[in-house]
């Protein structure tokens, strides 16, 4: 699978993952659903996240991730998945609150966002169960613990 990611670091964070990790996690989420994929990933602060959240979802405050699937009508299919906007301070805070390692939580957030770009959702219970099961399978394949267990102890090497 060929994946091209444009990473914009509007909020420099020492805790945010490197490009190789981001690409590995996004590729794991795409699996074999696409041969060629492109996406934009922007890492932002709480102010920018809150502005996007208000503008596009009508909700106040910063959120961990926003997904914007590419949905333009084109004569030929394009490999563009869409855009992910990740709020570094929120993701880092959640990891601490949920007793997860930073890499495990960042990987989960990226996997979750990419699945949204692929059309998965968690609006109703059945969709949520399907998406959570897929996220868990992907995270286990990446050698991370199940993402919906909030009392994880950090494991060596993650």
Protein backbone atom coordinates (compact mmCIF):
# COMPACT_ATOMS: atom_id res chain seq x y z
CA UNK A 1 0.00 0.00 0.00
CA UNK A 2 1.26 3.44 -0.91
CA UNK A 3 0.41 6.16 1.64
CA UNK A 4 1.29 9.83 1.36
CA UNK A 5 0.76 11.98 4.46
CA UNK A 6 1.25 15.72 4.71
CA UNK A 7 1.92 16.43 8.39
CA UNK A 8 1.48 20.00 9.58
CA UNK A 9 2.76 20.73 13.07
CA UNK A 10 0.96 23.96 14.01
CA UNK A 11 1.49 23.06 17.67
CA UNK A 12 5.00 21.77 18.20
CA UNK A 13 4.87 19.10 20.89
CA UNK A 14 7.75 16.94 22.06
CA UNK A 15 5.17 14.27 22.90
CA UNK A 16 3.72 14.07 19.39
CA UNK A 17 4.85 11.08 17.34
CA UNK A 18 7.38 11.14 14.51
CA UNK A 19 6.38 10.88 10.86
CA UNK A 20 7.30 7.19 10.54
CA UNK A 21 5.07 6.23 13.48
CA UNK A 22 2.17 8.28 12.15
CA UNK A 23 2.51 6.67 8.73
CA UNK A 24 2.74 3.15 10.22
CA UNK A 25 -0.38 3.66 12.35
CA UNK A 26 -2.39 5.24 9.52
CA UNK A 27 -1.34 2.43 7.13
CA UNK A 28 -2.45 -0.16 9.68
CA UNK A 29 -5.88 1.49 9.81
CA UNK A 30 -6.21 1.61 6.02
CA UNK A 31 -5.30 -2.08 5.78
CA UNK A 32 -6.20 -3.37 2.31
CA UNK A 33 -9.12 -0.98 1.76
CA UNK A 34 -7.03 1.21 -0.53
CA UNK A 35 -3.96 0.65 -2.72
CA UNK A 36 -3.00 4.32 -2.80
CA UNK A 37 -4.04 6.86 -0.17
CA UNK A 38 -3.33 10.49 0.62
CA UNK A 39 -4.22 12.39 3.76
CA UNK A 40 -3.41 15.59 5.57
CA UNK A 41 -2.77 15.51 9.30
CA UNK A 42 -2.56 18.75 11.27
CA UNK A 43 -1.41 18.82 14.89
CA UNK A 44 -2.91 21.84 16.63
CA UNK A 45 -3.23 23.54 20.02
CA UNK A 46 -6.43 23.84 22.05
CA UNK A 47 -7.37 27.22 20.60
CA UNK A 48 -7.31 26.02 16.99
CA UNK A 49 -9.05 22.75 17.90
CA UNK A 50 -11.83 24.66 19.69
CA UNK A 51 -12.27 26.96 16.68
CA UNK A 52 -12.60 23.97 14.30
CA UNK A 53 -14.89 22.13 16.72
CA UNK A 54 -17.21 25.15 16.98
CA UNK A 55 -17.15 25.92 13.27
CA UNK A 56 -17.70 22.39 11.95
CA UNK A 57 -19.54 20.59 14.76
CA UNK A 58 -21.21 23.45 16.65
CA UNK A 59 -19.55 22.28 19.87
CA UNK A 60 -17.50 24.41 22.22
CA UNK A 61 -14.05 23.50 23.46
CA UNK A 62 -11.11 21.56 22.10
CA UNK A 63 -11.46 17.90 21.15
CA UNK A 64 -8.88 15.17 20.58
CA UNK A 65 -9.46 14.65 16.84
CA UNK A 66 -11.60 15.95 14.02
CA UNK A 67 -11.97 14.02 10.78
CA UNK A 68 -12.86 15.62 7.46
CA UNK A 69 -13.42 12.94 4.80
CA UNK A 70 -12.79 13.96 1.19
CA UNK A 71 -16.14 13.86 -0.54
CA UNK A 72 -15.82 15.85 -3.76
CA UNK A 73 -17.40 14.48 -6.89
CA UNK A 74 -14.66 13.87 -9.47
CA UNK A 75 -14.72 12.25 -12.90
CA UNK A 76 -12.05 9.75 -11.81
CA UNK A 77 -11.64 8.33 -8.29
CA UNK A 78 -8.93 10.13 -6.33
CA UNK A 79 -6.77 8.56 -3.60
CA UNK A 80 -7.49 11.43 -1.17
CA UNK A 81 -8.88 10.21 2.15
CA UNK A 82 -9.27 13.64 3.76
CA UNK A 83 -7.93 15.63 6.67
CA UNK A 84 -7.32 14.86 10.34
CA UNK A 85 -6.92 17.62 12.93
CA UNK A 86 -5.40 16.38 16.19
CA UNK A 87 -5.13 18.50 19.33
CA UNK A 88 -1.81 17.56 20.95
CA UNK A 89 -2.55 18.94 24.44
CA UNK A 90 -5.89 17.09 24.61
CA UNK A 91 -4.41 13.78 23.39
CA UNK A 92 -1.49 14.06 25.83
CA UNK A 93 -3.82 14.90 28.73
CA UNK A 94 -6.17 12.03 27.87
CA UNK A 95 -3.29 9.57 27.81
CA UNK A 96 -2.33 10.55 31.36
CA UNK A 97 -5.94 10.51 32.59
CA UNK A 98 -6.59 7.09 31.04
CA UNK A 99 -3.25 5.66 32.25
CA UNK A 100 -2.12 4.95 28.69
CA UNK A 101 1.29 5.48 27.19
CA UNK A 102 1.56 8.43 24.82
CA UNK A 103 2.41 6.25 21.80
CA UNK A 104 -0.54 3.93 22.50
CA UNK A 105 -3.00 6.80 22.76
CA UNK A 106 -1.61 8.70 19.77
CA UNK A 107 -1.76 5.49 17.71
CA UNK A 108 -5.36 4.91 18.76
CA UNK A 109 -6.40 8.48 17.93
CA UNK A 110 -4.80 8.22 14.48
CA UNK A 111 -6.34 4.78 13.81
CA UNK A 112 -9.72 6.10 14.96
CA UNK A 113 -9.49 9.17 12.70
CA UNK A 114 -8.39 7.21 9.64
CA UNK A 115 -11.28 4.80 10.11
CA UNK A 116 -13.63 7.79 10.08
CA UNK A 117 -12.04 8.92 6.81
CA UNK A 118 -12.75 5.44 5.43
CA UNK A 119 -16.43 5.78 6.33
CA UNK A 120 -16.62 4.02 9.70
CA UNK A 121 -18.64 5.70 12.43
CA UNK A 122 -19.97 5.20 15.93
CA UNK A 123 -23.30 7.02 15.81
CA UNK A 124 -25.40 4.02 16.80
CA UNK A 125 -24.52 1.09 19.05
CA UNK A 126 -24.03 -1.45 16.25
CA UNK A 127 -21.69 0.86 14.32
CA UNK A 128 -19.83 1.69 17.53
CA UNK A 129 -19.32 -2.00 18.34
CA UNK A 130 -18.04 -2.71 14.83
CA UNK A 131 -15.67 0.28 14.85
CA UNK A 132 -14.35 -0.43 18.35
CA UNK A 133 -13.71 -4.09 17.46
CA UNK A 134 -11.81 -3.03 14.35
CA UNK A 135 -9.80 -0.43 16.30
CA UNK A 136 -8.93 -3.05 18.92
CA UNK A 137 -7.82 -5.57 16.26
CA UNK A 138 -5.64 -2.94 14.57
CA UNK A 139 -4.10 -1.80 17.85
CA UNK A 140 -3.32 -5.38 18.89
CA UNK A 141 -1.70 -5.97 15.50
CA UNK A 142 0.47 -2.90 16.18
CA UNK A 143 1.47 -4.48 19.54
CA UNK A 144 -0.50 -2.00 21.64
CA UNK A 145 -3.00 -2.92 24.34
CA UNK A 146 -6.75 -2.76 23.62
CA UNK A 147 -7.63 0.96 23.38
CA UNK A 148 -10.88 0.88 25.32
CA UNK A 149 -9.35 -0.42 28.54
CA UNK A 150 -8.66 2.73 30.53
CA UNK A 151 -6.59 1.21 33.33
CA UNK A 152 -3.64 0.07 31.26
CA UNK A 153 -0.22 0.06 32.78
CA UNK A 154 2.54 1.36 30.52
CA UNK A 155 4.36 -1.52 28.90
CA UNK A 156 8.07 -1.44 28.14
CA UNK A 157 8.97 -0.29 24.67
CA UNK A 158 5.74 1.64 24.06
